[in-house]
Amino acid sequence: MKLTFLGTGSAFAMKNFQTNMLIEFDDGYKLLIDAGGDIRFSLAEQGLGYMDINGVYVSHLHADHIGGMEWLAFTTYFDPRYQGRPDLFISEFLVDDLWTRSLSGGLASLQGKRNTIDRFFNVHPVEKNGVFAIDHPTNSPEFQLVQTVHFVNGYTFELSFGLLFEAGDEVVFITTDTQFAPNQIKDFYNKATVIYHDVECSPFRSGVHSHFDELVGLEETTKNKIWLTHYQDVVVDDWEEWEAKAKAAGFRGFIPKGHVVEF
């Protein structure tokens, strides 16, 4: 099982693509972890394209995580070489909004047809506190969805759904996007042996991601598990300085674009 960081940048990064990942299973099944607007370019840099993608997991509905979904839907639909439809794994709370608020504008109509999301994807809604596995001849782990608070919309919590799963000897926690909320997700920090954590490094804090200066205050045992991702171009511009700063603070470091982890 292999995890490739197709990109490691923030939503508006220009130098290292948006933070989307690819999991490749031992039998060749390839699962995207989010598909932002940069996805066709970040895949191409790895020598891949839509024909190589078997499924996608969507964590939440921001464009740096779903902006490439229309591209994936149309290319796989119209290319007769692509057999079937890509799998779509997503929290049951997000399915309707993904279609009605995001994808239907471009995908709802074809010549002579009115569509639903099921025309383009094999949708696998994941229930609250649920898990999913790849229904394929592979030793797929169970992927546990972990609710994190991305931002507060009036009096409503807008969630992103991270992933917790076992891979080889590791227990992996991918936060996707989360505010700094160590008390709420402490149990998942503790369960994990390696954490891929979104981080904001800009002096202008958005409040919707964990900032580097906040994460520095975590317990040393937690920081020692953390690789940092979803960062701004300022990190790329001064890579050695930020790497040294991260390691001095107790983190494992920043994940570079294209980094591959084999479990």
Protein backbone atom coordinates (compact mmCIF):
# COMPACT_ATOMS: atom_id res chain seq x y z
CA MET A 1 0.00 0.00 0.00
CA LYS A 2 1.43 3.35 -1.07
CA LEU A 3 0.47 6.93 -0.19
CA THR A 4 1.54 9.70 -2.58
CA PHE A 5 1.17 13.39 -1.76
CA LEU A 6 0.12 14.74 -5.15
CA GLY A 7 0.18 18.22 -3.65
CA THR A 8 0.86 19.69 -0.24
CA GLY A 9 -0.22 23.30 -0.62
CA SER A 10 -2.99 25.42 0.78
CA ALA A 11 -6.14 26.25 -1.19
CA PHE A 12 -4.44 29.12 -3.03
CA ALA A 13 -0.90 27.74 -3.29
CA MET A 14 0.83 28.33 -6.63
CA LYS A 15 4.01 26.31 -6.12
CA ASN A 16 3.13 22.86 -4.81
CA PHE A 17 -0.50 22.15 -5.78
CA GLN A 18 -3.40 21.77 -3.36
CA THR A 19 -3.22 19.10 -0.68
CA ASN A 20 -4.70 16.02 -2.35
CA MET A 21 -3.34 12.50 -1.93
CA LEU A 22 -3.42 9.16 -3.70
CA ILE A 23 -3.57 5.73 -2.06
CA GLU A 24 -2.51 2.82 -4.25
CA PHE A 25 -3.39 -0.65 -3.01
CA ASP A 26 -1.34 -3.75 -3.65
CA ASP A 27 -3.63 -4.87 -6.49
CA GLY A 28 -3.37 -1.51 -8.27
CA TYR A 29 -6.66 0.12 -7.17
CA LYS A 30 -6.05 3.86 -6.85
CA LEU A 31 -8.08 6.03 -4.46
CA LEU A 32 -7.86 9.80 -4.48
CA ILE A 33 -8.12 11.52 -1.12
CA ASP A 34 -9.94 14.64 -2.33
CA ALA A 35 -9.86 16.03 -5.87
CA GLY A 36 -9.27 19.76 -5.88
CA GLY A 37 -9.01 22.10 -8.83
CA ASP A 38 -5.32 21.26 -9.33
CA ILE A 39 -5.86 17.51 -9.50
CA ARG A 40 -5.40 16.96 -13.23
CA PHE A 41 -2.08 18.80 -13.10
CA SER A 42 -0.81 17.12 -9.94
CA LEU A 43 -1.73 13.70 -11.34
CA ALA A 44 0.01 14.50 -14.62
CA GLU A 45 3.19 15.40 -12.76
CA GLN A 46 3.17 11.84 -11.39
CA GLY A 47 2.56 10.39 -14.85
CA LEU A 48 -1.10 9.66 -14.11
CA GLY A 49 -4.51 10.72 -15.42
CA TYR A 50 -8.21 10.03 -14.99
CA MET A 51 -7.87 6.55 -16.53
CA ASP A 52 -5.75 5.55 -13.53
CA ILE A 53 -8.30 6.59 -10.88
CA ASN A 54 -10.67 3.95 -9.53
CA GLY A 55 -12.23 5.93 -6.71
CA VAL A 56 -12.23 9.16 -4.72
CA TYR A 57 -12.85 10.06 -1.08
CA VAL A 58 -14.26 13.55 -0.45
CA SER A 59 -13.58 15.07 2.97
CA HIS A 60 -15.55 18.31 2.56
CA LEU A 61 -16.86 20.70 -0.06
CA HIS A 62 -14.25 23.42 -0.49
CA ALA A 63 -12.93 23.82 -4.04
CA ASP A 64 -9.38 22.76 -3.17
CA HIS A 65 -10.93 19.39 -2.24
CA ILE A 66 -13.69 19.00 -4.85
CA GLY A 67 -12.80 21.47 -7.63
CA GLY A 68 -11.61 18.64 -9.88
CA MET A 69 -14.67 16.43 -9.45
CA GLU A 70 -16.44 17.76 -12.57
CA TRP A 71 -13.32 17.04 -14.62
CA LEU A 72 -13.14 13.49 -13.23
CA ALA A 73 -16.86 12.92 -13.86
CA PHE A 74 -16.89 14.11 -17.47
CA THR A 75 -13.61 12.53 -18.55
CA THR A 76 -14.46 9.09 -17.18
CA TYR A 77 -18.03 9.33 -18.51
CA PHE A 78 -17.17 10.27 -22.09
CA ASP A 79 -14.08 8.11 -22.56
CA PRO A 80 -15.27 4.64 -23.65
CA ARG A 81 -12.00 3.13 -22.48
CA TYR A 82 -12.98 3.82 -18.87
CA GLN A 83 -15.01 0.87 -17.66
CA GLY A 84 -17.87 1.66 -15.29
CA ARG A 85 -17.83 4.68 -12.96
CA PRO A 86 -15.38 5.81 -10.29
CA ASP A 87 -16.32 4.94 -6.71
CA LEU A 88 -17.20 7.90 -4.49
CA PHE A 89 -16.80 7.52 -0.73
CA ILE A 90 -18.25 10.40 1.26
CA SER A 91 -20.03 11.13 4.54
CA GLU A 92 -23.78 10.75 4.21
CA PHE A 93 -24.10 14.33 5.50
CA LEU A 94 -22.31 15.72 2.44
CA VAL A 95 -23.79 13.78 -0.49
CA ASP A 96 -26.77 16.01 -1.24
CA ASP A 97 -24.82 19.25 -0.87
CA LEU A 98 -21.99 17.94 -3.06
CA TRP A 99 -24.49 17.54 -5.88
CA THR A 100 -26.99 20.37 -5.34
CA ARG A 101 -24.57 23.09 -4.20
CA SER A 102 -21.44 22.16 -6.14
CA LEU A 103 -21.56 19.67 -9.01
CA SER A 104 -25.05 19.98 -10.49
CA GLY A 105 -24.31 23.34 -12.11
CA GLY A 106 -22.02 21.65 -14.60
CA LEU A 107 -23.15 18.03 -14.50
CA ALA A 108 -26.94 18.14 -14.18
CA SER A 109 -27.64 18.22 -17.92
CA LEU A 110 -26.29 16.36 -20.93
CA GLN A 111 -27.74 16.45 -24.41
CA GLY A 112 -31.16 14.86 -24.03
CA LYS A 113 -30.58 13.78 -20.43
CA ARG A 114 -31.18 15.02 -16.90
CA ASN A 115 -28.66 13.65 -14.47
CA THR A 116 -28.04 12.81 -10.86
CA ILE A 117 -24.70 12.17 -9.22
CA ASP A 118 -25.19 8.43 -9.74
CA ARG A 119 -24.73 8.77 -13.49
CA PHE A 120 -21.09 9.67 -12.91
CA PHE A 121 -20.09 7.95 -9.66
CA ASN A 122 -20.80 4.78 -7.72
CA VAL A 123 -21.76 6.60 -4.53
CA HIS A 124 -20.96 4.96 -1.20
CA PRO A 125 -22.37 7.19 1.58
CA VAL A 126 -20.69 6.55 4.92
CA GLU A 127 -22.98 6.78 7.95
CA LYS A 128 -22.21 8.67 11.14
CA ASN A 129 -19.30 7.06 12.98
CA GLY A 130 -19.05 4.70 10.02
CA VAL A 131 -16.18 3.17 8.13
CA PHE A 132 -15.58 2.15 4.56
CA ALA A 133 -13.30 -0.31 2.83
CA ILE A 134 -12.52 -0.88 -0.81
CA ASP A 135 -14.78 -3.60 -2.21
CA HIS A 136 -12.13 -5.03 -4.44
CA PRO A 137 -9.77 -8.02 -4.39
CA THR A 138 -7.35 -6.26 -2.10
CA ASN A 139 -6.46 -6.20 1.57
CA SER A 140 -8.13 -2.86 2.15
CA PRO A 141 -8.03 -1.42 5.66
CA GLU A 142 -11.15 0.02 7.20
CA PHE A 143 -11.13 3.79 6.86
CA GLN A 144 -12.71 5.45 9.89
CA LEU A 145 -14.20 8.90 9.27
CA VAL A 146 -13.25 11.45 11.92
CA GLN A 147 -15.36 14.60 12.22
CA THR A 148 -13.33 17.78 12.61
CA VAL A 149 -14.58 21.36 12.86
CA HIS A 150 -13.35 23.33 9.86
CA PHE A 151 -15.20 26.57 10.56
CA VAL A 152 -18.33 27.96 12.21
CA ASN A 153 -21.05 29.28 9.90
CA GLY A 154 -23.29 31.43 12.06
CA TYR A 155 -24.49 28.90 14.63
CA THR A 156 -23.58 25.85 12.57
CA PHE A 157 -20.41 23.80 12.66
CA GLU A 158 -19.13 23.12 9.15
CA LEU A 159 -17.31 19.81 9.25
CA SER A 160 -14.47 18.21 7.43
CA PHE A 161 -14.05 14.45 7.72
CA GLY A 162 -10.55 13.20 8.37
CA LEU A 163 -9.48 9.58 8.07
CA LEU A 164 -8.01 7.12 10.55
CA PHE A 165 -6.77 3.75 9.28
CA GLU A 166 -4.19 1.04 9.77
CA ALA A 167 -1.49 0.58 7.14
CA GLY A 168 1.13 -2.04 7.81
CA ASP A 169 2.53 -1.34 11.26
CA GLU A 170 1.23 2.22 11.29
CA VAL A 171 -2.03 3.80 12.44
CA VAL A 172 -2.47 6.78 10.14
CA PHE A 173 -4.50 9.91 10.91
CA ILE A 174 -5.11 12.40 8.08
CA THR A 175 -6.80 15.46 9.54
CA THR A 176 -7.89 16.89 6.17
CA ASP A 177 -8.90 20.43 7.31
CA THR A 178 -9.40 21.32 10.96
CA GLN A 179 -9.31 24.25 13.31
CA PHE A 180 -6.98 23.84 16.27
CA ALA A 181 -9.08 21.65 18.57
CA PRO A 182 -6.72 19.37 20.52
CA ASN A 183 -9.24 18.41 23.19
CA GLN A 184 -11.83 17.29 20.66
CA ILE A 185 -9.48 15.11 18.60
CA LYS A 186 -7.00 14.12 21.31
CA ASP A 187 -8.14 10.48 21.22
CA PHE A 188 -7.27 10.28 17.53
CA TYR A 189 -3.90 11.91 18.11
CA ASN A 190 -3.25 9.24 20.73
CA LYS A 191 -4.40 6.32 18.57
CA ALA A 192 -2.27 7.33 15.62
CA THR A 193 1.39 6.46 15.15
CA VAL A 194 1.74 8.95 12.29
CA ILE A 195 -0.32 12.11 11.66
CA TYR A 196 -0.56 14.14 8.47
CA HIS A 197 -1.81 17.47 9.78
CA ASP A 198 -2.98 20.57 7.93
CA VAL A 199 -1.15 23.70 9.01
CA GLU A 200 -1.31 27.41 8.31
CA CYS A 201 1.94 29.36 8.32
CA SER A 202 0.84 32.78 7.13
CA PRO A 203 1.02 35.69 9.60
CA PHE A 204 -2.55 36.45 8.51
CA ARG A 205 -4.59 33.75 10.22
CA SER A 206 -7.78 32.58 8.56
CA GLY A 207 -9.06 30.75 11.65
CA VAL A 208 -10.14 27.71 9.62
CA HIS A 209 -6.91 25.75 9.91
CA SER A 210 -4.55 24.88 12.73
CA HIS A 211 -1.82 27.49 12.78
CA PHE A 212 1.82 26.50 13.24
CA ASP A 213 2.07 28.63 16.38
CA GLU A 214 -0.91 26.77 17.88
CA LEU A 215 0.35 23.29 17.01
CA VAL A 216 3.67 24.07 18.69
CA GLY A 217 1.78 23.92 22.01
CA LEU A 218 0.77 20.27 21.59
CA GLU A 219 2.33 17.58 23.77
CA GLU A 220 5.75 16.42 22.61
CA THR A 221 4.52 12.85 22.12
CA THR A 222 1.90 14.15 19.69
CA LYS A 223 4.23 16.51 17.80
CA ASN A 224 6.71 13.68 17.33
CA LYS A 225 4.08 11.92 15.16
CA ILE A 226 3.15 14.90 12.99
CA TRP A 227 4.09 15.64 9.41
CA LEU A 228 2.81 19.06 8.33
CA THR A 229 0.93 19.66 5.08
CA HIS A 230 -1.59 22.07 3.46
CA TYR A 231 0.81 24.98 3.95
CA GLN A 232 1.23 28.27 2.09
CA ASP A 233 3.89 29.13 -0.49
CA VAL A 234 5.84 31.01 2.19
CA VAL A 235 7.11 27.61 3.36
CA VAL A 236 8.29 26.67 -0.14
CA ASP A 237 10.06 30.02 -0.49
CA ASP A 238 12.07 29.43 2.71
CA TRP A 239 12.04 25.63 2.88
CA GLU A 240 15.22 25.07 4.89
CA GLU A 241 14.24 27.69 7.45
CA TRP A 242 10.75 26.27 7.96
CA GLU A 243 12.01 22.68 8.06
CA ALA A 244 14.52 23.58 10.74
CA LYS A 245 11.83 25.46 12.65
CA ALA A 246 9.45 22.49 12.49
CA LYS A 247 12.02 19.96 13.64
CA ALA A 248 13.24 22.23 16.42
CA ALA A 249 9.63 22.42 17.63
CA GLY A 250 9.37 18.62 17.75
CA PHE A 251 7.51 17.88 14.49
CA ARG A 252 8.73 15.37 11.93
CA GLY A 253 8.81 18.13 9.32
CA PHE A 254 6.92 19.44 6.31
CA ILE A 255 5.80 17.02 3.60
CA PRO A 256 7.18 18.01 0.17
CA LYS A 257 5.08 17.75 -2.98
CA GLY A 258 5.37 14.31 -4.56
CA HIS A 259 6.44 12.60 -1.33
CA VAL A 260 5.72 8.85 -1.30
CA VAL A 261 5.17 6.68 1.77
CA GLU A 262 5.15 2.91 1.37
CA PHE A 263 3.49 0.93 4.14
